[in-house]
Amino acid sequence: MNTQTYLPPGLPIPVPEADGLSAPYWAGLREERLKVQRCSGCGTWQFGPEWICHRCHRFDPEWVEVAPRGRIYSWERVWHPVHPCLKGHGPYLVVLVELPEVGGVRMLGNLLGDPQQEVVIGAPVEGVFEHHPQAQPAFTLLQWRRTTAA
C-alpha cells in the first residue's frame, strides 16, 4: 500500500453525504475499484452521483465498475492555496479527465508527477488509488498519471 500522498495532510476528509448517495463511489475507491453510475433503463452514464438518471429520469441508477482510464479534457496549474494547509505547497496540477469508454463522463483529480510538466489536452491517463488509512475515517482518492497507452 502506498503511504506517500500527493498533497499535504490537513485537507478536509472526503466523506459521503449524510444521505449516502456517493457512498458506493468512496467504498469502491477503498477497494481500488472505480464505480460510476449507469441507468439500468436507458443506459446513460453519469457522474457526479444523482438519485435519478439525467436523461430519462428513472430513479436509482446502478453503480458499475469501470476501468480508470481516460484522456485529459482540461487542466489547471494551481499556484494559489485554496486551503491553509496548501500554503507553500504549489503549484500542483488539477485535470478534468474524460472517460470515453463510459459515455464521456468527466472527473476531476490531480495529475501526479512534476507540477511543471507539460500538459497536453487528449493525453492518455490512468487512475492511481491514493490510500489514507491513517485518517479518521480512512479514505482513498483517485489521482491520475500520464500513460503511453493509446
Protein backbone atom coordinates (compact mmCIF):
# COMPACT_ATOMS: atom_id res chain seq x y z
CA MET A 1 0.00 0.00 0.00
CA ASN A 2 1.36 3.39 -1.00
CA THR A 3 1.83 5.68 2.02
CA GLN A 4 3.08 8.69 0.01
CA THR A 5 0.45 11.29 -0.81
CA TYR A 6 0.37 13.95 -3.49
CA LEU A 7 -0.91 16.81 -1.34
CA PRO A 8 -0.03 17.53 2.31
CA PRO A 9 -2.15 16.34 5.23
CA GLY A 10 -4.74 18.69 6.69
CA LEU A 11 -7.24 18.92 3.83
CA PRO A 12 -10.87 18.12 4.69
CA ILE A 13 -11.58 14.39 4.57
CA PRO A 14 -13.96 13.43 1.75
CA VAL A 15 -16.93 11.54 3.15
CA PRO A 16 -20.24 10.51 1.63
CA GLU A 17 -23.17 12.84 2.05
CA ALA A 18 -25.49 12.19 5.00
CA ASP A 19 -27.98 10.55 2.63
CA GLY A 20 -25.32 8.05 1.43
CA LEU A 21 -25.66 8.94 -2.25
CA SER A 22 -21.92 8.82 -3.02
CA ALA A 23 -21.07 6.01 -0.55
CA PRO A 24 -20.66 3.36 -3.31
CA TYR A 25 -18.14 5.60 -5.09
CA TRP A 26 -15.99 6.12 -1.97
CA ALA A 27 -16.27 2.45 -0.92
CA GLY A 28 -15.18 1.39 -4.41
CA LEU A 29 -12.08 3.59 -4.27
CA ARG A 30 -11.08 1.98 -0.94
CA GLU A 31 -11.17 -1.37 -2.81
CA GLU A 32 -9.23 0.12 -5.78
CA ARG A 33 -12.33 -0.02 -7.96
CA LEU A 34 -13.72 2.97 -9.83
CA LYS A 35 -17.52 2.98 -9.87
CA VAL A 36 -19.72 5.24 -11.99
CA GLN A 37 -23.50 5.39 -12.19
CA ARG A 38 -25.36 3.97 -15.17
CA CYS A 39 -29.09 4.00 -15.72
CA SER A 40 -30.48 0.48 -15.99
CA GLY A 41 -33.35 1.86 -18.09
CA CYS A 42 -31.73 3.92 -20.86
CA GLY A 43 -28.04 3.04 -20.33
CA THR A 44 -26.86 6.63 -19.74
CA TRP A 45 -23.62 7.03 -17.77
CA GLN A 46 -23.34 9.87 -15.26
CA PHE A 47 -21.02 11.37 -12.66
CA GLY A 48 -21.34 13.00 -10.03
CA PRO A 49 -23.81 10.81 -8.29
CA GLU A 50 -27.52 11.55 -8.51
CA TRP A 51 -30.67 9.77 -7.35
CA ILE A 52 -32.20 9.96 -10.85
CA CYS A 53 -30.96 9.48 -14.41
CA HIS A 54 -30.10 12.76 -16.12
CA ARG A 55 -31.65 11.56 -19.37
CA CYS A 56 -34.82 9.53 -18.68
CA HIS A 57 -35.37 10.48 -15.01
CA ARG A 58 -35.59 6.89 -13.82
CA PHE A 59 -34.75 6.56 -10.12
CA ASP A 60 -31.74 4.80 -8.59
CA PRO A 61 -29.10 4.46 -11.32
CA GLU A 62 -26.88 1.45 -10.63
CA TRP A 63 -23.17 1.64 -9.76
CA VAL A 64 -20.93 -0.10 -12.31
CA GLU A 65 -17.20 -0.75 -12.03
CA VAL A 66 -15.26 0.85 -14.90
CA ALA A 67 -11.62 0.96 -15.97
CA PRO A 68 -9.83 4.01 -14.51
CA ARG A 69 -8.53 5.14 -17.90
CA GLY A 70 -9.22 8.28 -19.84
CA ARG A 71 -7.85 11.34 -21.55
CA ILE A 72 -7.10 14.83 -20.28
CA TYR A 73 -10.03 17.04 -21.30
CA SER A 74 -8.88 20.19 -19.49
CA TRP A 75 -6.38 21.19 -16.81
CA GLU A 76 -5.21 23.91 -14.43
CA ARG A 77 -1.86 24.54 -12.78
CA VAL A 78 -2.81 25.79 -9.30
CA TRP A 79 -0.45 28.39 -7.82
CA HIS A 80 -2.52 29.93 -5.05
CA PRO A 81 -3.52 27.89 -1.98
CA VAL A 82 -7.23 27.13 -1.75
CA HIS A 83 -6.82 25.79 1.80
CA PRO A 84 -4.43 26.86 4.61
CA CYS A 85 -2.55 23.52 4.57
CA LEU A 86 -1.59 24.13 0.92
CA LYS A 87 0.33 27.32 1.71
CA GLY A 88 3.82 26.88 0.23
CA HIS A 89 2.86 23.63 -1.48
CA GLY A 90 2.10 24.93 -5.00
CA PRO A 91 2.00 24.59 -7.78
CA TYR A 92 0.04 21.40 -8.37
CA LEU A 93 -1.91 20.15 -11.37
CA VAL A 94 -5.66 19.54 -11.48
CA VAL A 95 -7.04 17.71 -14.50
CA LEU A 96 -10.51 17.09 -15.86
CA VAL A 97 -10.38 13.55 -17.23
CA GLU A 98 -12.85 12.27 -19.79
CA LEU A 99 -13.62 8.54 -19.72
CA PRO A 100 -14.50 7.74 -23.36
CA GLU A 101 -15.48 4.13 -22.61
CA VAL A 102 -18.06 5.39 -20.11
CA GLY A 103 -20.09 7.72 -22.29
CA GLY A 104 -17.65 10.62 -21.94
CA VAL A 105 -18.14 11.01 -18.18
CA ARG A 106 -15.66 13.56 -16.78
CA MET A 107 -13.92 13.51 -13.39
CA LEU A 108 -11.59 15.92 -11.59
CA GLY A 109 -8.35 14.85 -9.96
CA ASN A 110 -4.71 15.73 -9.52
CA LEU A 111 -2.14 14.87 -12.17
CA LEU A 112 0.79 13.16 -10.47
CA GLY A 113 4.39 13.94 -11.29
CA ASP A 114 6.29 17.14 -11.84
CA PRO A 115 3.92 20.07 -11.32
CA GLN A 116 5.82 21.95 -14.05
CA GLN A 117 5.37 19.18 -16.63
CA GLU A 118 3.84 19.97 -19.99
CA VAL A 119 0.18 19.01 -20.02
CA VAL A 120 -1.40 18.07 -23.33
CA ILE A 121 -5.15 18.00 -23.95
CA GLY A 122 -6.06 14.48 -25.09
CA ALA A 123 -3.09 12.81 -23.38
CA PRO A 124 -3.97 9.35 -22.02
CA VAL A 125 -4.06 8.92 -18.24
CA GLU A 126 -4.75 6.11 -15.79
CA GLY A 127 -6.13 6.24 -12.29
CA VAL A 128 -3.97 5.81 -9.21
CA PHE A 129 -5.63 4.93 -5.91
CA GLU A 130 -4.11 7.00 -3.09
CA HIS A 131 -4.97 5.44 0.27
CA HIS A 132 -5.16 7.41 3.51
CA PRO A 133 -5.54 4.65 6.14
CA GLN A 134 -4.36 6.90 9.00
CA ALA A 135 -7.26 9.33 8.54
CA GLN A 136 -10.42 9.09 10.63
CA PRO A 137 -12.37 7.91 8.76
CA ALA A 138 -9.90 6.27 6.36
CA PHE A 139 -10.41 7.21 2.71
CA THR A 140 -8.95 6.80 -0.78
CA LEU A 141 -8.55 9.41 -3.51
CA LEU A 142 -8.40 8.82 -7.25
CA GLN A 143 -5.38 10.60 -8.72
CA TRP A 144 -4.21 10.47 -12.35
CA ARG A 145 -0.91 9.80 -14.07
CA ARG A 146 0.12 10.03 -17.70
CA THR A 147 0.47 6.81 -19.60
CA THR A 148 1.64 5.87 -23.07
CA ALA A 149 -1.43 3.73 -23.73
CA ALA A 150 -3.40 4.80 -26.78
